[in-house]
Amino acid sequence: MSVIIAKNLSVEVIDNAITESAFSTEIDEDNHIYVTGSQIEFPCWVAFLSEVKAVKIFTYIEFKETVIKSDALIFINNANMNVVLPCFI
């Protein structure tokens, strides 16, 4: 296991760590890493917030027009509580 020193952290270093963990990646026009492959069944991006040396993992979903807002919120809260994100150790 390698340790990345905070001052050496960058989008490229994070991208390399993700691809070495058997995921496929693309760096998009916003300089976010789009992660695919392995067990990920939904869109997933990783952003590096250099000003605070933080890594943000996020996704995006659109609901059908027929979905009731309360049902969408239940789904989102359930996903936040139960979706297991990979650990890069």
N, C-alpha and C. Protein backbone atom coordinates (compact mmCIF):
# COMPACT_ATOMS: atom_id res chain seq x y z
N MET A 1 0.85 -1.17 0.00
CA MET A 1 0.00 0.00 0.00
C MET A 1 0.89 1.24 0.00
N SER A 2 0.58 2.16 -0.86
CA SER A 2 1.34 3.40 -0.89
C SER A 2 0.50 4.53 -0.29
N VAL A 3 1.21 5.48 0.28
CA VAL A 3 0.57 6.64 0.89
C VAL A 3 0.88 7.85 0.01
N ILE A 4 -0.14 8.66 -0.24
CA ILE A 4 0.04 9.86 -1.03
C ILE A 4 0.09 11.05 -0.08
N ILE A 5 1.18 11.77 -0.13
CA ILE A 5 1.34 12.97 0.70
C ILE A 5 0.42 14.06 0.16
N ALA A 6 -0.27 14.78 1.05
CA ALA A 6 -1.26 15.78 0.65
C ALA A 6 -0.70 16.79 -0.34
N LYS A 7 0.52 17.25 -0.14
CA LYS A 7 1.08 18.27 -1.04
C LYS A 7 1.32 17.73 -2.45
N ASN A 8 1.36 16.39 -2.61
CA ASN A 8 1.56 15.77 -3.91
C ASN A 8 0.25 15.36 -4.58
N LEU A 9 -0.88 15.62 -3.92
CA LEU A 9 -2.18 15.20 -4.44
C LEU A 9 -2.59 16.06 -5.63
N SER A 10 -3.09 15.40 -6.66
CA SER A 10 -3.56 16.09 -7.86
C SER A 10 -4.59 15.20 -8.54
N VAL A 11 -5.27 15.74 -9.53
CA VAL A 11 -6.23 14.96 -10.30
C VAL A 11 -5.53 13.76 -10.94
N GLU A 12 -4.35 13.98 -11.46
CA GLU A 12 -3.61 12.90 -12.13
C GLU A 12 -3.22 11.79 -11.14
N VAL A 13 -2.81 12.16 -9.94
CA VAL A 13 -2.44 11.17 -8.92
C VAL A 13 -3.68 10.37 -8.50
N ILE A 14 -4.79 11.05 -8.30
CA ILE A 14 -6.04 10.37 -7.93
C ILE A 14 -6.49 9.45 -9.06
N ASP A 15 -6.43 9.94 -10.30
CA ASP A 15 -6.80 9.13 -11.47
C ASP A 15 -5.94 7.86 -11.52
N ASN A 16 -4.67 8.00 -11.30
CA ASN A 16 -3.76 6.85 -11.32
C ASN A 16 -4.13 5.84 -10.23
N ALA A 17 -4.44 6.31 -9.03
CA ALA A 17 -4.83 5.41 -7.94
C ALA A 17 -6.11 4.66 -8.28
N ILE A 18 -7.05 5.34 -8.92
CA ILE A 18 -8.32 4.69 -9.30
C ILE A 18 -8.09 3.65 -10.39
N THR A 19 -7.32 3.98 -11.40
CA THR A 19 -7.08 3.01 -12.49
C THR A 19 -6.26 1.83 -12.01
N GLU A 20 -5.36 2.03 -11.05
CA GLU A 20 -4.61 0.91 -10.48
C GLU A 20 -5.50 0.00 -9.64
N SER A 21 -6.68 0.48 -9.29
CA SER A 21 -7.65 -0.31 -8.52
C SER A 21 -8.67 -1.00 -9.42
N ALA A 22 -8.33 -1.15 -10.71
CA ALA A 22 -9.13 -1.91 -11.68
C ALA A 22 -10.39 -1.20 -12.15
N PHE A 23 -10.41 0.11 -12.11
CA PHE A 23 -11.51 0.88 -12.66
C PHE A 23 -11.02 1.57 -13.93
N SER A 24 -11.95 1.93 -14.78
CA SER A 24 -11.63 2.72 -15.97
C SER A 24 -11.99 4.17 -15.66
N THR A 25 -11.24 5.10 -16.22
CA THR A 25 -11.51 6.51 -15.94
C THR A 25 -11.35 7.36 -17.18
N GLU A 26 -11.97 8.52 -17.13
CA GLU A 26 -11.79 9.59 -18.12
C GLU A 26 -11.78 10.89 -17.35
N ILE A 27 -10.93 11.82 -17.72
CA ILE A 27 -10.95 13.14 -17.11
C ILE A 27 -11.78 14.04 -18.03
N ASP A 28 -12.88 14.59 -17.49
CA ASP A 28 -13.80 15.37 -18.33
C ASP A 28 -13.36 16.83 -18.44
N GLU A 29 -14.17 17.61 -19.14
CA GLU A 29 -13.82 19.02 -19.41
C GLU A 29 -13.81 19.87 -18.15
N ASP A 30 -14.44 19.40 -17.06
CA ASP A 30 -14.43 20.13 -15.79
C ASP A 30 -13.27 19.68 -14.89
N ASN A 31 -12.40 18.82 -15.43
CA ASN A 31 -11.28 18.26 -14.70
C ASN A 31 -11.73 17.32 -13.57
N HIS A 32 -12.91 16.72 -13.75
CA HIS A 32 -13.40 15.69 -12.84
C HIS A 32 -13.08 14.33 -13.45
N ILE A 33 -12.87 13.36 -12.60
CA ILE A 33 -12.58 12.01 -13.06
C ILE A 33 -13.90 11.24 -13.15
N TYR A 34 -14.24 10.77 -14.34
CA TYR A 34 -15.44 9.95 -14.53
C TYR A 34 -14.99 8.50 -14.39
N VAL A 35 -15.59 7.78 -13.44
CA VAL A 35 -15.18 6.42 -13.11
C VAL A 35 -16.18 5.42 -13.67
N THR A 36 -15.69 4.40 -14.36
CA THR A 36 -16.55 3.34 -14.90
C THR A 36 -15.87 2.00 -14.62
N GLY A 37 -16.55 0.95 -15.02
CA GLY A 37 -15.98 -0.38 -14.90
C GLY A 37 -16.22 -0.99 -13.54
N SER A 38 -15.70 -2.19 -13.37
CA SER A 38 -15.83 -2.97 -12.15
C SER A 38 -17.30 -3.12 -11.77
N GLN A 39 -17.65 -2.81 -10.52
CA GLN A 39 -19.02 -3.02 -10.04
C GLN A 39 -19.88 -1.75 -10.06
N ILE A 40 -19.37 -0.66 -10.61
CA ILE A 40 -20.14 0.58 -10.60
C ILE A 40 -21.23 0.50 -11.67
N GLU A 41 -22.49 0.63 -11.23
CA GLU A 41 -23.62 0.51 -12.14
C GLU A 41 -24.33 1.85 -12.34
N PHE A 42 -23.73 2.94 -11.91
CA PHE A 42 -24.31 4.25 -12.06
C PHE A 42 -23.16 5.23 -12.31
N PRO A 43 -23.46 6.39 -12.87
CA PRO A 43 -22.38 7.34 -13.15
C PRO A 43 -21.73 7.83 -11.85
N CYS A 44 -20.41 7.89 -11.85
CA CYS A 44 -19.68 8.31 -10.66
C CYS A 44 -18.51 9.20 -11.08
N TRP A 45 -18.40 10.34 -10.44
CA TRP A 45 -17.30 11.26 -10.70
C TRP A 45 -16.52 11.48 -9.42
N VAL A 46 -15.24 11.80 -9.59
CA VAL A 46 -14.38 12.17 -8.46
C VAL A 46 -13.79 13.53 -8.79
N ALA A 47 -13.90 14.44 -7.86
CA ALA A 47 -13.32 15.78 -8.04
C ALA A 47 -12.28 16.01 -6.95
N PHE A 48 -11.21 16.69 -7.33
CA PHE A 48 -10.19 17.08 -6.36
C PHE A 48 -10.35 18.57 -6.08
N LEU A 49 -10.61 18.90 -4.84
CA LEU A 49 -10.78 20.29 -4.43
C LEU A 49 -9.44 20.75 -3.87
N SER A 50 -8.60 21.27 -4.75
CA SER A 50 -7.21 21.57 -4.39
C SER A 50 -7.07 22.60 -3.27
N GLU A 51 -8.00 23.56 -3.21
CA GLU A 51 -7.88 24.61 -2.20
C GLU A 51 -8.02 24.08 -0.78
N VAL A 52 -8.70 22.94 -0.61
CA VAL A 52 -8.87 22.34 0.73
C VAL A 52 -8.31 20.92 0.80
N LYS A 53 -7.64 20.49 -0.28
CA LYS A 53 -7.05 19.15 -0.36
C LYS A 53 -8.08 18.08 -0.01
N ALA A 54 -9.26 18.17 -0.65
CA ALA A 54 -10.34 17.23 -0.40
C ALA A 54 -10.70 16.50 -1.69
N VAL A 55 -11.20 15.29 -1.53
CA VAL A 55 -11.68 14.49 -2.65
C VAL A 55 -13.19 14.36 -2.50
N LYS A 56 -13.92 14.71 -3.55
CA LYS A 56 -15.38 14.66 -3.54
C LYS A 56 -15.83 13.58 -4.53
N ILE A 57 -16.65 12.64 -4.07
CA ILE A 57 -17.20 11.59 -4.93
C ILE A 57 -18.68 11.90 -5.09
N PHE A 58 -19.15 11.96 -6.36
CA PHE A 58 -20.54 12.32 -6.57
C PHE A 58 -21.11 11.60 -7.80
N THR A 59 -22.43 11.62 -7.88
CA THR A 59 -23.13 11.00 -8.99
C THR A 59 -24.27 11.92 -9.42
N TYR A 60 -24.98 11.51 -10.45
CA TYR A 60 -26.09 12.30 -10.98
C TYR A 60 -27.15 11.34 -11.49
N ILE A 61 -28.39 11.68 -11.21
CA ILE A 61 -29.49 10.83 -11.69
C ILE A 61 -30.67 11.74 -12.05
N GLU A 62 -31.36 11.38 -13.10
CA GLU A 62 -32.61 12.07 -13.46
C GLU A 62 -33.75 11.10 -13.26
N PHE A 63 -34.80 11.56 -12.64
CA PHE A 63 -35.98 10.73 -12.44
C PHE A 63 -36.97 10.97 -13.56
N LYS A 64 -37.78 9.96 -13.84
CA LYS A 64 -38.86 10.13 -14.81
C LYS A 64 -39.85 11.15 -14.27
N GLU A 65 -40.53 11.81 -15.17
CA GLU A 65 -41.48 12.84 -14.78
C GLU A 65 -42.60 12.31 -13.90
N THR A 66 -42.87 11.01 -13.98
CA THR A 66 -43.96 10.42 -13.22
C THR A 66 -43.58 10.09 -11.77
N VAL A 67 -42.30 10.24 -11.43
CA VAL A 67 -41.85 9.93 -10.07
C VAL A 67 -42.24 11.07 -9.13
N ILE A 68 -42.87 10.69 -8.03
CA ILE A 68 -43.29 11.66 -7.02
C ILE A 68 -42.06 12.10 -6.23
N LYS A 69 -42.00 13.40 -5.90
CA LYS A 69 -40.83 13.95 -5.21
C LYS A 69 -40.50 13.20 -3.92
N SER A 70 -41.50 12.84 -3.13
CA SER A 70 -41.25 12.14 -1.87
C SER A 70 -40.63 10.76 -2.13
N ASP A 71 -41.06 10.08 -3.20
CA ASP A 71 -40.47 8.79 -3.55
C ASP A 71 -39.02 8.96 -4.00
N ALA A 72 -38.76 10.02 -4.74
CA ALA A 72 -37.38 10.29 -5.18
C ALA A 72 -36.48 10.54 -3.98
N LEU A 73 -36.95 11.31 -3.01
CA LEU A 73 -36.16 11.59 -1.82
C LEU A 73 -35.91 10.34 -0.99
N ILE A 74 -36.89 9.46 -0.91
CA ILE A 74 -36.71 8.19 -0.21
C ILE A 74 -35.63 7.37 -0.91
N PHE A 75 -35.69 7.31 -2.24
CA PHE A 75 -34.68 6.58 -3.01
C PHE A 75 -33.29 7.16 -2.78
N ILE A 76 -33.18 8.48 -2.85
CA ILE A 76 -31.87 9.15 -2.68
C ILE A 76 -31.31 8.88 -1.28
N ASN A 77 -32.13 9.03 -0.27
CA ASN A 77 -31.66 8.77 1.10
C ASN A 77 -31.25 7.32 1.28
N ASN A 78 -32.01 6.40 0.70
CA ASN A 78 -31.67 4.99 0.78
C ASN A 78 -30.33 4.72 0.08
N ALA A 79 -30.13 5.31 -1.08
CA ALA A 79 -28.87 5.13 -1.80
C ALA A 79 -27.70 5.69 -1.00
N ASN A 80 -27.88 6.86 -0.41
CA ASN A 80 -26.81 7.46 0.40
C ASN A 80 -26.45 6.59 1.60
N MET A 81 -27.42 5.88 2.14
CA MET A 81 -27.17 5.05 3.32
C MET A 81 -26.64 3.66 2.98
N ASN A 82 -26.94 3.17 1.76
CA ASN A 82 -26.67 1.76 1.48
C ASN A 82 -25.73 1.46 0.32
N VAL A 83 -25.44 2.43 -0.52
CA VAL A 83 -24.53 2.16 -1.64
C VAL A 83 -23.11 2.12 -1.10
N VAL A 84 -22.44 1.03 -1.34
CA VAL A 84 -21.08 0.85 -0.87
C VAL A 84 -20.14 1.35 -1.93
N LEU A 85 -19.32 2.33 -1.57
CA LEU A 85 -18.31 2.84 -2.49
C LEU A 85 -17.01 2.12 -2.23
N PRO A 86 -16.26 1.86 -3.29
CA PRO A 86 -14.99 1.17 -3.10
C PRO A 86 -14.02 1.99 -2.26
N CYS A 87 -13.18 1.29 -1.59
CA CYS A 87 -12.13 1.90 -0.77
C CYS A 87 -10.80 1.70 -1.48
N PHE A 88 -10.03 2.73 -1.62
CA PHE A 88 -8.73 2.63 -2.23
C PHE A 88 -7.68 2.55 -1.13
N ILE A 89 -7.34 1.32 -0.74
CA ILE A 89 -6.39 1.11 0.35
C ILE A 89 -5.13 0.46 -0.19
